[in-house]
Amino acid sequence: MLKNIPGYWEIESVKNEDGALKEFKISTTIDFIELNGNKGLRTKVNPQLDGTFKNNGTTENFNVNKSGEKLILNYDNTLDQWSEEVIEVTKTNLIVKNEAGKEYRYKRFEKFDFNLE
């Protein structure tokens, strides 16, 4: 499961614990996730039209832990601590659920393609 987590992820939707769904048709901010063993970084980046990314200054450190069959991402910064359970991760989709019961669905980000051929 871990091998599919690194990369660029675009938010598709957020489902609240009560089932209310908020969908995102397009997002100007992408999550770039890096892993090194059981430690990771999640950086907010903005895709540029030339195919590059601009870091918007938000980076969160996390640790990866296994709890039985569950994969948990534990975040800790100077302002807050929280955890997300990885519900599903494939090459193209990532679903995580936080402690408040919100389920975040992401799709693998694809760079802009302006090839008109």
PDB file of N, CA and C in Angstrom:
ATOM      1  N   MET A   1       0.815  -1.197   0.000  1.00  0.00           N
ATOM      2  CA  MET A   1       0.000   0.000   0.000  1.00  0.00           C
ATOM      3  C   MET A   1       0.863   1.267   0.000  1.00  0.00           C
ATOM      4  N   LEU A   2       1.950   1.261   0.751  1.00  0.00           N
ATOM      5  CA  LEU A   2       2.790   2.451   0.867  1.00  0.00           C
ATOM      6  C   LEU A   2       3.362   2.905  -0.467  1.00  0.00           C
ATOM      7  N   LYS A   3       3.665   1.964  -1.347  1.00  0.00           N
ATOM      8  CA  LYS A   3       4.313   2.323  -2.612  1.00  0.00           C
ATOM      9  C   LYS A   3       3.435   3.222  -3.480  1.00  0.00           C
ATOM     10  N   ASN A   4       2.131   3.199  -3.291  1.00  0.00           N
ATOM     11  CA  ASN A   4       1.224   4.017  -4.089  1.00  0.00           C
ATOM     12  C   ASN A   4       0.966   5.404  -3.512  1.00  0.00           C
ATOM     13  N   ILE A   5       1.411   5.661  -2.299  1.00  0.00           N
ATOM     14  CA  ILE A   5       1.102   6.943  -1.652  1.00  0.00           C
ATOM     15  C   ILE A   5       1.907   8.120  -2.209  1.00  0.00           C
ATOM     16  N   PRO A   6       3.212   8.000  -2.455  1.00  0.00           N
ATOM     17  CA  PRO A   6       3.956   9.170  -2.941  1.00  0.00           C
ATOM     18  C   PRO A   6       3.433   9.691  -4.279  1.00  0.00           C
ATOM     19  N   GLY A   7       3.500  11.009  -4.444  1.00  0.00           N
ATOM     20  CA  GLY A   7       3.113  11.627  -5.701  1.00  0.00           C
ATOM     21  C   GLY A   7       2.232  12.838  -5.504  1.00  0.00           C
ATOM     22  N   TYR A   8       1.650  13.289  -6.600  1.00  0.00           N
ATOM     23  CA  TYR A   8       0.792  14.467  -6.624  1.00  0.00           C
ATOM     24  C   TYR A   8      -0.668  14.030  -6.595  1.00  0.00           C
ATOM     25  N   TRP A   9      -1.429  14.589  -5.640  1.00  0.00           N
ATOM     26  CA  TRP A   9      -2.829  14.197  -5.444  1.00  0.00           C
ATOM     27  C   TRP A   9      -3.738  15.411  -5.490  1.00  0.00           C
ATOM     28  N   GLU A  10      -4.836  15.296  -6.245  1.00  0.00           N
ATOM     29  CA  GLU A  10      -5.824  16.356  -6.377  1.00  0.00           C
ATOM     30  C   GLU A  10      -7.101  15.937  -5.658  1.00  0.00           C
ATOM     31  N   ILE A  11      -7.615  16.814  -4.813  1.00  0.00           N
ATOM     32  CA  ILE A  11      -8.836  16.510  -4.057  1.00  0.00           C
ATOM     33  C   ILE A  11     -10.023  16.386  -5.011  1.00  0.00           C
ATOM     34  N   GLU A  12     -10.847  15.352  -4.806  1.00  0.00           N
ATOM     35  CA  GLU A  12     -12.065  15.172  -5.590  1.00  0.00           C
ATOM     36  C   GLU A  12     -13.298  15.512  -4.762  1.00  0.00           C
ATOM     37  N   SER A  13     -13.296  15.038  -3.495  1.00  0.00           N
ATOM     38  CA  SER A  13     -14.474  15.282  -2.661  1.00  0.00           C
ATOM     39  C   SER A  13     -14.139  15.087  -1.195  1.00  0.00           C
ATOM     40  N   VAL A  14     -15.020  15.636  -0.356  1.00  0.00           N
ATOM     41  CA  VAL A  14     -14.958  15.440   1.091  1.00  0.00           C
ATOM     42  C   VAL A  14     -16.353  15.029   1.531  1.00  0.00           C
ATOM     43  N   LYS A  15     -16.429  13.920   2.255  1.00  0.00           N
ATOM     44  CA  LYS A  15     -17.714  13.446   2.774  1.00  0.00           C
ATOM     45  C   LYS A  15     -17.680  13.554   4.290  1.00  0.00           C
ATOM     46  N   ASN A  16     -18.644  14.294   4.838  1.00  0.00           N
ATOM     47  CA  ASN A  16     -18.753  14.439   6.288  1.00  0.00           C
ATOM     48  C   ASN A  16     -19.298  13.165   6.911  1.00  0.00           C
ATOM     49  N   GLU A  17     -19.161  13.077   8.211  1.00  0.00           N
ATOM     50  CA  GLU A  17     -19.645  11.915   8.951  1.00  0.00           C
ATOM     51  C   GLU A  17     -21.146  11.694   8.739  1.00  0.00           C
ATOM     52  N   ASP A  18     -21.889  12.795   8.530  1.00  0.00           N
ATOM     53  CA  ASP A  18     -23.339  12.682   8.318  1.00  0.00           C
ATOM     54  C   ASP A  18     -23.708  12.329   6.875  1.00  0.00           C
ATOM     55  N   GLY A  19     -22.691  12.139   6.026  1.00  0.00           N
ATOM     56  CA  GLY A  19     -22.929  11.746   4.635  1.00  0.00           C
ATOM     57  C   GLY A  19     -22.981  12.895   3.651  1.00  0.00           C
ATOM     58  N   ALA A  20     -22.959  14.150   4.141  1.00  0.00           N
ATOM     59  CA  ALA A  20     -22.967  15.298   3.243  1.00  0.00           C
ATOM     60  C   ALA A  20     -21.686  15.293   2.408  1.00  0.00           C
ATOM     61  N   LEU A  21     -21.832  15.494   1.108  1.00  0.00           N
ATOM     62  CA  LEU A  21     -20.706  15.399   0.179  1.00  0.00           C
ATOM     63  C   LEU A  21     -20.444  16.745  -0.467  1.00  0.00           C
ATOM     64  N   LYS A  22     -19.170  17.172  -0.435  1.00  0.00           N
ATOM     65  CA  LYS A  22     -18.744  18.370  -1.149  1.00  0.00           C
ATOM     66  C   LYS A  22     -17.773  17.920  -2.227  1.00  0.00           C
ATOM     67  N   GLU A  23     -18.111  18.209  -3.485  1.00  0.00           N
ATOM     68  CA  GLU A  23     -17.267  17.809  -4.600  1.00  0.00           C
ATOM     69  C   GLU A  23     -16.467  19.004  -5.101  1.00  0.00           C
ATOM     70  N   PHE A  24     -15.262  18.724  -5.585  1.00  0.00           N
ATOM     71  CA  PHE A  24     -14.379  19.740  -6.140  1.00  0.00           C
ATOM     72  C   PHE A  24     -14.165  19.416  -7.613  1.00  0.00           C
ATOM     73  N   LYS A  25     -14.682  20.264  -8.487  1.00  0.00           N
ATOM     74  CA  LYS A  25     -14.541  20.033  -9.934  1.00  0.00           C
ATOM     75  C   LYS A  25     -13.109  20.288 -10.384  1.00  0.00           C
ATOM     76  N   ILE A  26     -12.481  21.292  -9.796  1.00  0.00           N
ATOM     77  CA  ILE A  26     -11.092  21.620 -10.105  1.00  0.00           C
ATOM     78  C   ILE A  26     -10.470  22.226  -8.856  1.00  0.00           C
ATOM     79  N   SER A  27      -9.199  21.988  -8.682  1.00  0.00           N
ATOM     80  CA  SER A  27      -8.505  22.514  -7.512  1.00  0.00           C
ATOM     81  C   SER A  27      -7.228  23.211  -7.964  1.00  0.00           C
ATOM     82  N   THR A  28      -6.967  24.364  -7.389  1.00  0.00           N
ATOM     83  CA  THR A  28      -5.735  25.081  -7.717  1.00  0.00           C
ATOM     84  C   THR A  28      -4.583  24.678  -6.811  1.00  0.00           C
ATOM     85  N   THR A  29      -4.868  23.862  -5.803  1.00  0.00           N
ATOM     86  CA  THR A  29      -3.845  23.378  -4.885  1.00  0.00           C
ATOM     87  C   THR A  29      -3.812  21.854  -4.924  1.00  0.00           C
ATOM     88  N   ILE A  30      -2.614  21.318  -5.049  1.00  0.00           N
ATOM     89  CA  ILE A  30      -2.386  19.883  -5.138  1.00  0.00           C
ATOM     90  C   ILE A  30      -1.545  19.470  -3.934  1.00  0.00           C
ATOM     91  N   ASP A  31      -1.782  18.270  -3.398  1.00  0.00           N
ATOM     92  CA  ASP A  31      -0.953  17.737  -2.312  1.00  0.00           C
ATOM     93  C   ASP A  31       0.156  16.884  -2.917  1.00  0.00           C
ATOM     94  N   PHE A  32       1.403  17.240  -2.616  1.00  0.00           N
ATOM     95  CA  PHE A  32       2.545  16.432  -3.029  1.00  0.00           C
ATOM     96  C   PHE A  32       3.013  15.659  -1.804  1.00  0.00           C
ATOM     97  N   ILE A  33       2.977  14.337  -1.888  1.00  0.00           N
ATOM     98  CA  ILE A  33       3.340  13.486  -0.752  1.00  0.00           C
ATOM     99  C   ILE A  33       4.635  12.750  -1.056  1.00  0.00           C
ATOM    100  N   GLU A  34       5.586  12.857  -0.117  1.00  0.00           N
ATOM    101  CA  GLU A  34       6.867  12.157  -0.205  1.00  0.00           C
ATOM    102  C   GLU A  34       6.970  11.195   0.972  1.00  0.00           C
ATOM    103  N   LEU A  35       7.600  10.063   0.769  1.00  0.00           N
ATOM    104  CA  LEU A  35       7.843   9.105   1.847  1.00  0.00           C
ATOM    105  C   LEU A  35       9.310   8.723   1.886  1.00  0.00           C
ATOM    106  N   ASN A  36       9.809   8.576   3.095  1.00  0.00           N
ATOM    107  CA  ASN A  36      11.151   8.059   3.321  1.00  0.00           C
ATOM    108  C   ASN A  36      11.046   7.109   4.505  1.00  0.00           C
ATOM    109  N   GLY A  37      10.879   5.822   4.221  1.00  0.00           N
ATOM    110  CA  GLY A  37      10.646   4.851   5.288  1.00  0.00           C
ATOM    111  C   GLY A  37       9.281   5.088   5.895  1.00  0.00           C
ATOM    112  N   ASN A  38       9.240   5.276   7.219  1.00  0.00           N
ATOM    113  CA  ASN A  38       7.951   5.513   7.888  1.00  0.00           C
ATOM    114  C   ASN A  38       7.716   6.996   8.185  1.00  0.00           C
ATOM    115  N   LYS A  39       8.482   7.873   7.549  1.00  0.00           N
ATOM    116  CA  LYS A  39       8.309   9.318   7.706  1.00  0.00           C
ATOM    117  C   LYS A  39       7.904   9.914   6.366  1.00  0.00           C
ATOM    118  N   GLY A  40       7.085  10.959   6.433  1.00  0.00           N
ATOM    119  CA  GLY A  40       6.629  11.572   5.202  1.00  0.00           C
ATOM    120  C   GLY A  40       6.458  13.064   5.307  1.00  0.00           C
ATOM    121  N   LEU A  41       6.327  13.686   4.139  1.00  0.00           N
ATOM    122  CA  LEU A  41       6.045  15.112   4.019  1.00  0.00           C
ATOM    123  C   LEU A  41       4.862  15.275   3.078  1.00  0.00           C
ATOM    124  N   ARG A  42       3.961  16.171   3.437  1.00  0.00           N
ATOM    125  CA  ARG A  42       2.835  16.524   2.574  1.00  0.00           C
ATOM    126  C   ARG A  42       2.940  18.020   2.333  1.00  0.00           C
ATOM    127  N   THR A  43       3.172  18.392   1.067  1.00  0.00           N
ATOM    128  CA  THR A  43       3.384  19.790   0.700  1.00  0.00           C
ATOM    129  C   THR A  43       2.276  20.244  -0.231  1.00  0.00           C
ATOM    130  N   LYS A  44       1.735  21.414   0.049  1.00  0.00           N
ATOM    131  CA  LYS A  44       0.724  22.014  -0.821  1.00  0.00           C
ATOM    132  C   LYS A  44       1.456  22.749  -1.939  1.00  0.00           C
ATOM    133  N   VAL A  45       1.119  22.406  -3.191  1.00  0.00           N
ATOM    134  CA  VAL A  45       1.743  23.040  -4.344  1.00  0.00           C
ATOM    135  C   VAL A  45       0.658  23.505  -5.313  1.00  0.00           C
ATOM    136  N   ASN A  46       1.021  24.493  -6.126  1.00  0.00           N
ATOM    137  CA  ASN A  46       0.121  25.002  -7.145  1.00  0.00           C
ATOM    138  C   ASN A  46       0.683  24.643  -8.515  1.00  0.00           C
ATOM    139  N   PRO A  47      -0.076  23.895  -9.326  1.00  0.00           N
ATOM    140  CA  PRO A  47       0.412  23.544 -10.656  1.00  0.00           C
ATOM    141  C   PRO A  47       0.458  24.777 -11.552  1.00  0.00           C
ATOM    142  N   GLN A  48       1.514  24.859 -12.357  1.00  0.00           N
ATOM    143  CA  GLN A  48       1.683  25.964 -13.287  1.00  0.00           C
ATOM    144  C   GLN A  48       1.384  25.478 -14.708  1.00  0.00           C
ATOM    145  N   LEU A  49       1.059  26.380 -15.586  1.00  0.00           N
ATOM    146  CA  LEU A  49       0.702  26.010 -16.955  1.00  0.00           C
ATOM    147  C   LEU A  49       1.861  25.375 -17.725  1.00  0.00           C
ATOM    148  N   ASP A  50       3.106  25.667 -17.300  1.00  0.00           N
ATOM    149  CA  ASP A  50       4.256  25.088 -17.996  1.00  0.00           C
ATOM    150  C   ASP A  50       4.619  23.693 -17.487  1.00  0.00           C
ATOM    151  N   GLY A  51       3.798  23.124 -16.585  1.00  0.00           N
ATOM    152  CA  GLY A  51       4.044  21.783 -16.078  1.00  0.00           C
ATOM    153  C   GLY A  51       4.837  21.728 -14.788  1.00  0.00           C
ATOM    154  N   THR A  52       5.281  22.869 -14.291  1.00  0.00           N
ATOM    155  CA  THR A  52       6.011  22.905 -13.031  1.00  0.00           C
ATOM    156  C   THR A  52       5.030  23.127 -11.882  1.00  0.00           C
ATOM    157  N   PHE A  53       5.560  23.111 -10.664  1.00  0.00           N
ATOM    158  CA  PHE A  53       4.739  23.338  -9.474  1.00  0.00           C
ATOM    159  C   PHE A  53       5.382  24.421  -8.629  1.00  0.00           C
ATOM    160  N   LYS A  54       4.564  25.235  -7.985  1.00  0.00           N
ATOM    161  CA  LYS A  54       5.044  26.273  -7.083  1.00  0.00           C
ATOM    162  C   LYS A  54       4.606  25.902  -5.674  1.00  0.00           C
ATOM    163  N   ASN A  55       5.575  25.788  -4.758  1.00  0.00           N
ATOM    164  CA  ASN A  55       5.292  25.480  -3.363  1.00  0.00           C
ATOM    165  C   ASN A  55       4.593  26.678  -2.744  1.00  0.00           C
ATOM    166  N   ASN A  56       3.451  26.445  -2.085  1.00  0.00           N
ATOM    167  CA  ASN A  56       2.745  27.571  -1.474  1.00  0.00           C
ATOM    168  C   ASN A  56       3.149  27.804  -0.023  1.00  0.00           C
ATOM    169  N   GLY A  57       4.163  27.089   0.451  1.00  0.00           N
ATOM    170  CA  GLY A  57       4.697  27.328   1.784  1.00  0.00           C
ATOM    171  C   GLY A  57       4.127  26.457   2.885  1.00  0.00           C
ATOM    172  N   THR A  58       3.190  25.584   2.567  1.00  0.00           N
ATOM    173  CA  THR A  58       2.588  24.723   3.580  1.00  0.00           C
ATOM    174  C   THR A  58       3.121  23.305   3.443  1.00  0.00           C
ATOM    175  N   THR A  59       3.886  22.860   4.436  1.00  0.00           N
ATOM    176  CA  THR A  59       4.408  21.498   4.466  1.00  0.00           C
ATOM    177  C   THR A  59       4.116  20.905   5.834  1.00  0.00           C
ATOM    178  N   GLU A  60       3.597  19.677   5.831  1.00  0.00           N
ATOM    179  CA  GLU A  60       3.282  18.986   7.084  1.00  0.00           C
ATOM    180  C   GLU A  60       4.074  17.685   7.143  1.00  0.00           C
ATOM    181  N   ASN A  61       4.700  17.438   8.274  1.00  0.00           N
ATOM    182  CA  ASN A  61       5.404  16.183   8.510  1.00  0.00           C
ATOM    183  C   ASN A  61       4.425  15.157   9.074  1.00  0.00           C
ATOM    184  N   PHE A  62       4.634  13.899   8.728  1.00  0.00           N
ATOM    185  CA  PHE A  62       3.820  12.842   9.309  1.00  0.00           C
ATOM    186  C   PHE A  62       4.637  11.568   9.455  1.00  0.00           C
ATOM    187  N   ASN A  63       4.158  10.708  10.334  1.00  0.00           N
ATOM    188  CA  ASN A  63       4.723   9.370  10.523  1.00  0.00           C
ATOM    189  C   ASN A  63       3.695   8.354  10.080  1.00  0.00           C
ATOM    190  N   VAL A  64       4.169   7.272   9.496  1.00  0.00           N
ATOM    191  CA  VAL A  64       3.291   6.194   9.051  1.00  0.00           C
ATOM    192  C   VAL A  64       3.345   5.089  10.097  1.00  0.00           C
ATOM    193  N   ASN A  65       2.186   4.668  10.572  1.00  0.00           N
ATOM    194  CA  ASN A  65       2.103   3.597  11.557  1.00  0.00           C
ATOM    195  C   ASN A  65       1.078   2.574  11.104  1.00  0.00           C
ATOM    196  N   LYS A  66       1.328   1.341  11.444  1.00  0.00           N
ATOM    197  CA  LYS A  66       0.353   0.284  11.196  1.00  0.00           C
ATOM    198  C   LYS A  66      -0.290  -0.080  12.518  1.00  0.00           C
ATOM    199  N   SER A  67      -1.603  -0.204  12.477  1.00  0.00           N
ATOM    200  CA  SER A  67      -2.356  -0.628  13.648  1.00  0.00           C
ATOM    201  C   SER A  67      -3.214  -1.800  13.194  1.00  0.00           C
ATOM    202  N   GLY A  68      -2.712  -3.002  13.406  1.00  0.00           N
ATOM    203  CA  GLY A  68      -3.388  -4.184  12.870  1.00  0.00           C
ATOM    204  C   GLY A  68      -3.316  -4.147  11.364  1.00  0.00           C
ATOM    205  N   GLU A  69      -4.459  -4.155  10.708  1.00  0.00           N
ATOM    206  CA  GLU A  69      -4.527  -4.066   9.246  1.00  0.00           C
ATOM    207  C   GLU A  69      -4.619  -2.620   8.760  1.00  0.00           C
ATOM    208  N   LYS A  70      -4.715  -1.675   9.692  1.00  0.00           N
ATOM    209  CA  LYS A  70      -4.899  -0.270   9.330  1.00  0.00           C
ATOM    210  C   LYS A  70      -3.564   0.434   9.120  1.00  0.00           C
ATOM    211  N   LEU A  71      -3.546   1.357   8.154  1.00  0.00           N
ATOM    212  CA  LEU A  71      -2.403   2.213   7.894  1.00  0.00           C
ATOM    213  C   LEU A  71      -2.795   3.613   8.342  1.00  0.00           C
ATOM    214  N   ILE A  72      -2.046   4.168   9.304  1.00  0.00           N
ATOM    215  CA  ILE A  72      -2.387   5.453   9.910  1.00  0.00           C
ATOM    216  C   ILE A  72      -1.279   6.466   9.622  1.00  0.00           C
ATOM    217  N   LEU A  73      -1.679   7.673   9.207  1.00  0.00           N
ATOM    218  CA  LEU A  73      -0.754   8.781   9.023  1.00  0.00           C
ATOM    219  C   LEU A  73      -0.948   9.722  10.202  1.00  0.00           C
ATOM    220  N   ASN A  74       0.095   9.901  11.013  1.00  0.00           N
ATOM    221  CA  ASN A  74       0.038  10.749  12.201  1.00  0.00           C
ATOM    222  C   ASN A  74       0.789  12.055  11.949  1.00  0.00           C
ATOM    223  N   TYR A  75       0.061  13.157  12.003  1.00  0.00           N
ATOM    224  CA  TYR A  75       0.614  14.489  11.769  1.00  0.00           C
ATOM    225  C   TYR A  75       0.853  15.176  13.107  1.00  0.00           C
ATOM    226  N   ASP A  76       1.908  15.990  13.151  1.00  0.00           N
ATOM    227  CA  ASP A  76       2.234  16.714  14.374  1.00  0.00           C
ATOM    228  C   ASP A  76       3.002  17.971  13.978  1.00  0.00           C
ATOM    229  N   ASN A  77       2.422  19.133  14.277  1.00  0.00           N
ATOM    230  CA  ASN A  77       3.137  20.385  14.056  1.00  0.00           C
ATOM    231  C   ASN A  77       2.963  21.273  15.271  1.00  0.00           C
ATOM    232  N   THR A  78       3.458  22.483  15.211  1.00  0.00           N
ATOM    233  CA  THR A  78       3.417  23.358  16.388  1.00  0.00           C
ATOM    234  C   THR A  78       2.000  23.782  16.756  1.00  0.00           C
ATOM    235  N   LEU A  79       1.058  23.685  15.813  1.00  0.00           N
ATOM    236  CA  LEU A  79      -0.308  24.121  16.078  1.00  0.00           C
ATOM    237  C   LEU A  79      -1.286  22.999  16.380  1.00  0.00           C
ATOM    238  N   ASP A  80      -1.007  21.787  15.905  1.00  0.00           N
ATOM    239  CA  ASP A  80      -2.021  20.743  15.997  1.00  0.00           C
ATOM    240  C   ASP A  80      -1.414  19.346  15.848  1.00  0.00           C
ATOM    241  N   GLN A  81      -2.177  18.359  16.251  1.00  0.00           N
ATOM    242  CA  GLN A  81      -1.861  16.948  16.054  1.00  0.00           C
ATOM    243  C   GLN A  81      -3.127  16.272  15.547  1.00  0.00           C
ATOM    244  N   TRP A  82      -2.999  15.400  14.544  1.00  0.00           N
ATOM    245  CA  TRP A  82      -4.155  14.664  14.047  1.00  0.00           C
ATOM    246  C   TRP A  82      -3.695  13.421  13.314  1.00  0.00           C
ATOM    247  N   SER A  83      -4.634  12.547  13.057  1.00  0.00           N
ATOM    248  CA  SER A  83      -4.354  11.293  12.366  1.00  0.00           C
ATOM    249  C   SER A  83      -5.348  11.094  11.236  1.00  0.00           C
ATOM    250  N   GLU A  84      -4.894  10.383  10.210  1.00  0.00           N
ATOM    251  CA  GLU A  84      -5.754   9.979   9.107  1.00  0.00           C
ATOM    252  C   GLU A  84      -5.533   8.501   8.853  1.00  0.00           C
ATOM    253  N   GLU A  85      -6.616   7.777   8.659  1.00  0.00           N
ATOM    254  CA  GLU A  85      -6.520   6.366   8.288  1.00  0.00           C
ATOM    255  C   GLU A  85      -6.602   6.267   6.773  1.00  0.00           C
ATOM    256  N   VAL A  86      -5.680   5.517   6.186  1.00  0.00           N
ATOM    257  CA  VAL A  86      -5.731   5.283   4.744  1.00  0.00           C
ATOM    258  C   VAL A  86      -6.777   4.200   4.512  1.00  0.00           C
ATOM    259  N   ILE A  87      -7.872   4.573   3.890  1.00  0.00           N
ATOM    260  CA  ILE A  87      -8.963   3.643   3.603  1.00  0.00           C
ATOM    261  C   ILE A  87      -8.654   2.849   2.339  1.00  0.00           C
ATOM    262  N   GLU A  88      -8.141   3.562   1.330  1.00  0.00           N
ATOM    263  CA  GLU A  88      -7.802   2.925   0.057  1.00  0.00           C
ATOM    264  C   GLU A  88      -6.705   3.727  -0.616  1.00  0.00           C
ATOM    265  N   VAL A  89      -5.771   3.033  -1.229  1.00  0.00           N
ATOM    266  CA  VAL A  89      -4.782   3.712  -2.061  1.00  0.00           C
ATOM    267  C   VAL A  89      -4.419   2.785  -3.215  1.00  0.00           C
ATOM    268  N   THR A  90      -4.548   3.326  -4.419  1.00  0.00           N
ATOM    269  CA  THR A  90      -4.162   2.623  -5.635  1.00  0.00           C
ATOM    270  C   THR A  90      -3.248   3.563  -6.411  1.00  0.00           C
ATOM    271  N   LYS A  91      -2.884   3.196  -7.606  1.00  0.00           N
ATOM    272  CA  LYS A  91      -2.054   4.075  -8.423  1.00  0.00           C
ATOM    273  C   LYS A  91      -2.785   5.359  -8.801  1.00  0.00           C
ATOM    274  N   THR A  92      -4.116   5.312  -8.807  1.00  0.00           N
ATOM    275  CA  THR A  92      -4.886   6.469  -9.269  1.00  0.00           C
ATOM    276  C   THR A  92      -5.796   7.110  -8.219  1.00  0.00           C
ATOM    277  N   ASN A  93      -6.042   6.441  -7.082  1.00  0.00           N
ATOM    278  CA  ASN A  93      -6.966   6.962  -6.065  1.00  0.00           C
ATOM    279  C   ASN A  93      -6.392   6.841  -4.662  1.00  0.00           C
ATOM    280  N   LEU A  94      -6.738   7.822  -3.834  1.00  0.00           N
ATOM    281  CA  LEU A  94      -6.349   7.825  -2.427  1.00  0.00           C
ATOM    282  C   LEU A  94      -7.549   8.277  -1.618  1.00  0.00           C
ATOM    283  N   ILE A  95      -7.913   7.492  -0.612  1.00  0.00           N
ATOM    284  CA  ILE A  95      -9.012   7.854   0.290  1.00  0.00           C
ATOM    285  C   ILE A  95      -8.484   7.770   1.716  1.00  0.00           C
ATOM    286  N   VAL A  96      -8.613   8.878   2.456  1.00  0.00           N
ATOM    287  CA  VAL A  96      -8.218   8.901   3.860  1.00  0.00           C
ATOM    288  C   VAL A  96      -9.391   9.410   4.688  1.00  0.00           C
ATOM    289  N   LYS A  97      -9.423   8.983   5.951  1.00  0.00           N
ATOM    290  CA  LYS A  97     -10.489   9.396   6.863  1.00  0.00           C
ATOM    291  C   LYS A  97      -9.840   9.936   8.128  1.00  0.00           C
ATOM    292  N   ASN A  98     -10.258  11.148   8.532  1.00  0.00           N
ATOM    293  CA  ASN A  98      -9.661  11.732   9.735  1.00  0.00           C
ATOM    294  C   ASN A  98     -10.432  11.335  10.990  1.00  0.00           C
ATOM    295  N   GLU A  99      -9.948  11.795  12.130  1.00  0.00           N
ATOM    296  CA  GLU A  99     -10.542  11.429  13.418  1.00  0.00           C
ATOM    297  C   GLU A  99     -11.959  11.953  13.591  1.00  0.00           C
ATOM    298  N   ALA A 100     -12.310  13.021  12.850  1.00  0.00           N
ATOM    299  CA  ALA A 100     -13.656  13.600  12.936  1.00  0.00           C
ATOM    300  C   ALA A 100     -14.639  12.874  12.013  1.00  0.00           C
ATOM    301  N   GLY A 101     -14.154  11.857  11.312  1.00  0.00           N
ATOM    302  CA  GLY A 101     -15.029  11.085  10.430  1.00  0.00           C
ATOM    303  C   GLY A 101     -15.152  11.623   9.021  1.00  0.00           C
ATOM    304  N   LYS A 102     -14.389  12.669   8.677  1.00  0.00           N
ATOM    305  CA  LYS A 102     -14.413  13.200   7.315  1.00  0.00           C
ATOM    306  C   LYS A 102     -13.566  12.311   6.410  1.00  0.00           C
ATOM    307  N   GLU A 103     -14.133  11.993   5.259  1.00  0.00           N
ATOM    308  CA  GLU A 103     -13.455  11.133   4.291  1.00  0.00           C
ATOM    309  C   GLU A 103     -13.028  11.986   3.097  1.00  0.00           C
ATOM    310  N   TYR A 104     -11.725  12.007   2.837  1.00  0.00           N
ATOM    311  CA  TYR A 104     -11.157  12.798   1.754  1.00  0.00           C
ATOM    312  C   TYR A 104     -10.796  11.873   0.603  1.00  0.00           C
ATOM    313  N   ARG A 105     -11.332  12.170  -0.589  1.00  0.00           N
ATOM    314  CA  ARG A 105     -11.054  11.374  -1.783  1.00  0.00           C
ATOM    315  C   ARG A 105     -10.190  12.194  -2.737  1.00  0.00           C
ATOM    316  N   TYR A 106      -9.083  11.585  -3.152  1.00  0.00           N
ATOM    317  CA  TYR A 106      -8.151  12.225  -4.070  1.00  0.00           C
ATOM    318  C   TYR A 106      -7.992  11.379  -5.319  1.00  0.00           C
ATOM    319  N   LYS A 107      -7.622  12.041  -6.410  1.00  0.00           N
ATOM    320  CA  LYS A 107      -7.218  11.326  -7.617  1.00  0.00           C
ATOM    321  C   LYS A 107      -5.801  11.765  -7.950  1.00  0.00           C
ATOM    322  N   ARG A 108      -5.065  10.886  -8.594  1.00  0.00           N
ATOM    323  CA  ARG A 108      -3.699  11.211  -8.999  1.00  0.00           C
ATOM    324  C   ARG A 108      -3.766  12.401  -9.954  1.00  0.00           C
ATOM    325  N   PHE A 109      -2.977  13.421  -9.663  1.00  0.00           N
ATOM    326  CA  PHE A 109      -2.980  14.620 -10.492  1.00  0.00           C
ATOM    327  C   PHE A 109      -2.291  14.339 -11.819  1.00  0.00           C
ATOM    328  N   GLU A 110      -2.913  14.808 -12.882  1.00  0.00           N
ATOM    329  CA  GLU A 110      -2.323  14.721 -14.213  1.00  0.00           C
ATOM    330  C   GLU A 110      -1.989  16.128 -14.671  1.00  0.00           C
ATOM    331  N   LYS A 111      -0.746  16.310 -15.114  1.00  0.00           N
ATOM    332  CA  LYS A 111      -0.317  17.635 -15.556  1.00  0.00           C
ATOM    333  C   LYS A 111      -1.184  18.105 -16.717  1.00  0.00           C
ATOM    334  N   PHE A 112      -1.267  19.407 -16.848  1.00  0.00           N
ATOM    335  CA  PHE A 112      -2.040  20.010 -17.916  1.00  0.00           C
ATOM    336  C   PHE A 112      -1.478  19.575 -19.264  1.00  0.00           C
ATOM    337  N   ASP A 113      -2.349  19.279 -20.201  1.00  0.00           N
ATOM    338  CA  ASP A 113      -1.933  18.889 -21.545  1.00  0.00           C
ATOM    339  C   ASP A 113      -2.641  19.791 -22.535  1.00  0.00           C
ATOM    340  N   PHE A 114      -1.861  20.653 -23.167  1.00  0.00           N
ATOM    341  CA  PHE A 114      -2.427  21.591 -24.125  1.00  0.00           C
ATOM    342  C   PHE A 114      -2.164  21.162 -25.559  1.00  0.00           C
ATOM    343  N   ASN A 115      -1.798  19.905 -25.745  1.00  0.00           N
ATOM    344  CA  ASN A 115      -1.552  19.365 -27.073  1.00  0.00           C
ATOM    345  C   ASN A 115      -2.895  19.258 -27.802  1.00  0.00           C
ATOM    346  N   LEU A 116      -3.050  20.008 -28.851  1.00  0.00           N
ATOM    347  CA  LEU A 116      -4.314  20.052 -29.555  1.00  0.00           C
ATOM    348  C   LEU A 116      -4.386  19.075 -30.729  1.00  0.00           C
ATOM    349  N   GLU A 117      -3.388  18.247 -30.888  1.00  0.00           N
ATOM    350  CA  GLU A 117      -3.379  17.275 -31.994  1.00  0.00           C
ATOM    351  C   GLU A 117      -4.263  16.097 -31.715  1.00  0.00           C
TER     352      GLU A 117
END
